[in-house]
Protein backbone atom coordinates (compact mmCIF):
# COMPACT_ATOMS: atom_id res chain seq x y z
CA MET A 1 144.43 89.39 128.32
CA ALA A 2 141.45 87.84 126.51
CA THR A 3 140.31 89.21 123.18
CA SER A 4 136.65 89.90 122.72
CA ALA A 5 134.69 88.28 119.92
CA PRO A 6 133.53 90.54 117.11
CA PRO A 7 129.89 91.58 117.35
CA THR A 8 127.29 89.50 115.53
CA PRO A 9 126.11 91.37 112.43
CA GLU A 10 122.55 92.68 112.20
CA PRO A 11 120.54 90.64 109.69
CA PRO A 12 118.45 92.37 107.04
CA ALA A 13 114.80 92.66 108.07
CA SER A 14 113.77 90.87 104.87
CA ILE A 15 115.24 87.52 105.99
CA PRO A 16 112.57 85.36 107.66
CA GLN A 17 113.21 84.41 111.27
CA TYR A 18 113.11 80.66 110.55
CA ILE A 19 116.08 81.09 108.19
CA LEU A 20 117.98 83.20 110.72
CA ASP A 21 117.40 80.56 113.39
CA GLY A 22 118.85 77.87 111.13
CA LEU A 23 121.85 80.00 110.18
CA ASP A 24 122.61 80.74 113.84
CA ARG A 25 123.04 77.00 114.48
CA GLN A 26 125.72 76.56 111.78
CA ASP A 27 129.49 76.64 112.15
CA ALA A 28 131.69 79.03 110.16
CA GLN A 29 132.59 76.50 107.43
CA THR A 30 128.95 75.57 106.78
CA LEU A 31 127.99 79.26 106.69
CA GLU A 32 130.68 79.86 104.04
CA GLU A 33 129.24 76.98 101.98
CA ILE A 34 125.72 78.37 102.40
CA SER A 35 126.99 81.78 101.31
CA ARG A 36 128.50 80.39 98.10
CA TYR A 37 125.34 78.42 97.38
CA ALA A 38 123.12 81.46 98.01
CA GLU A 39 125.22 83.57 95.62
CA ASP A 40 125.01 80.87 92.92
CA LEU A 41 121.28 80.44 93.47
CA ALA A 42 120.65 84.20 93.28
CA ALA A 43 122.62 84.42 90.02
CA ALA A 44 120.70 81.48 88.54
CA LYS A 45 117.32 82.96 89.51
CA ALA A 46 118.27 86.37 88.09
CA ALA A 47 119.40 84.73 84.84
CA GLN A 48 116.18 82.71 84.68
CA ALA A 49 114.04 85.82 85.17
CA GLU A 50 116.00 87.67 82.50
CA ALA A 51 115.63 84.74 80.09
CA GLU A 52 111.89 84.66 80.69
CA LEU A 53 111.66 88.34 79.75
CA GLU A 54 113.75 87.82 76.63
CA ASP A 55 111.81 84.74 75.50
CA GLY A 56 108.86 86.89 74.54
CA ASP A 57 106.43 84.31 75.99
CA GLU A 58 104.73 87.11 77.88
CA GLU A 59 102.45 89.76 76.53
CA VAL A 60 102.45 93.13 78.18
CA VAL A 61 98.90 94.37 78.63
CA ARG A 62 97.86 97.97 79.27
CA GLU A 63 96.12 98.67 82.54
CA ASP A 64 93.56 101.44 82.94
CA SER A 65 94.88 104.32 85.02
CA GLU A 66 92.28 103.69 87.74
CA ASP A 67 93.85 100.26 88.36
CA VAL A 68 97.02 101.95 89.66
CA ASP A 69 95.15 102.75 92.90
CA ASP A 70 94.32 99.06 93.28
CA LEU A 71 97.94 97.88 93.29
CA PRO A 72 98.94 95.70 96.25
CA ASP A 73 101.15 97.51 98.76
CA ASP A 74 104.25 95.56 97.72
CA VAL A 75 103.89 96.31 93.97
CA PRO A 76 105.41 99.58 92.74
CA THR A 77 103.41 101.90 90.49
CA LYS A 78 105.99 101.41 87.72
CA ALA A 79 105.01 97.73 87.39
CA SER A 80 103.70 96.39 84.10
CA VAL A 81 101.07 93.71 83.81
CA VAL A 82 102.16 90.68 81.79
CA VAL A 83 100.39 87.52 80.74
CA LYS A 84 102.26 84.30 81.47
CA GLU A 85 101.22 80.91 80.18
CA ILE A 86 101.76 78.09 82.66
CA ASN A 87 100.58 74.55 81.90
CA SER A 88 98.36 75.85 79.08
CA ASN A 89 96.65 78.34 81.43
CA ARG A 90 97.11 82.10 81.17
CA TYR A 91 97.63 84.35 84.19
CA TYR A 92 98.16 88.07 84.80
CA TYR A 93 101.26 89.02 86.78
CA TYR A 94 102.57 92.38 87.91
CA GLN A 95 106.20 92.65 86.84
CA TRP A 96 108.89 95.25 87.56
CA ARG A 97 112.64 95.62 87.80
CA GLU A 98 114.55 96.20 91.04
CA GLY A 99 118.17 96.84 90.14
CA SER A 100 119.31 93.87 88.05
CA LYS A 101 116.44 91.64 89.19
CA VAL A 102 113.01 91.22 87.66
CA LYS A 103 110.26 90.82 90.25
CA SER A 104 106.81 89.36 89.63
CA LYS A 105 103.64 89.06 91.69
CA TYR A 106 100.57 87.05 90.76
CA LYS A 107 97.49 89.12 89.94
CA ALA A 108 94.70 86.92 88.53
CA PRO A 109 93.81 84.35 85.89
CA VAL A 110 93.20 85.78 82.41
CA ASN A 111 89.85 83.95 82.12
CA PRO A 112 88.61 83.50 85.69
CA ASP A 113 85.24 82.10 84.58
CA SER A 114 86.58 79.48 82.17
CA ASP A 115 86.24 75.82 83.06
CA ASP A 116 89.71 74.88 81.76
């Protein structure tokens, strides 16, 4: 009597198809290595985001209440707007926490008309 293989798990909808296609072509050992790497990478990115918040390099700026209606669909209303300096240029970012992770989304340059 032959045993049947366990069913393939359903992937989360948030994983892009090109990644799923690549994963499907891997053997079990490589998938285990990818899993360990992904866990380490996720921990490192979470620690980096936390360190960026603690560094105090960002200023939190107050948004007018009418701007809440203008939030992109993927930015929650609880998001703050922060100013990040990157390569001597300043940019606005939406920033919020999802569980233990800090998420950011680019908004706009602080001085869009400057020639810097």
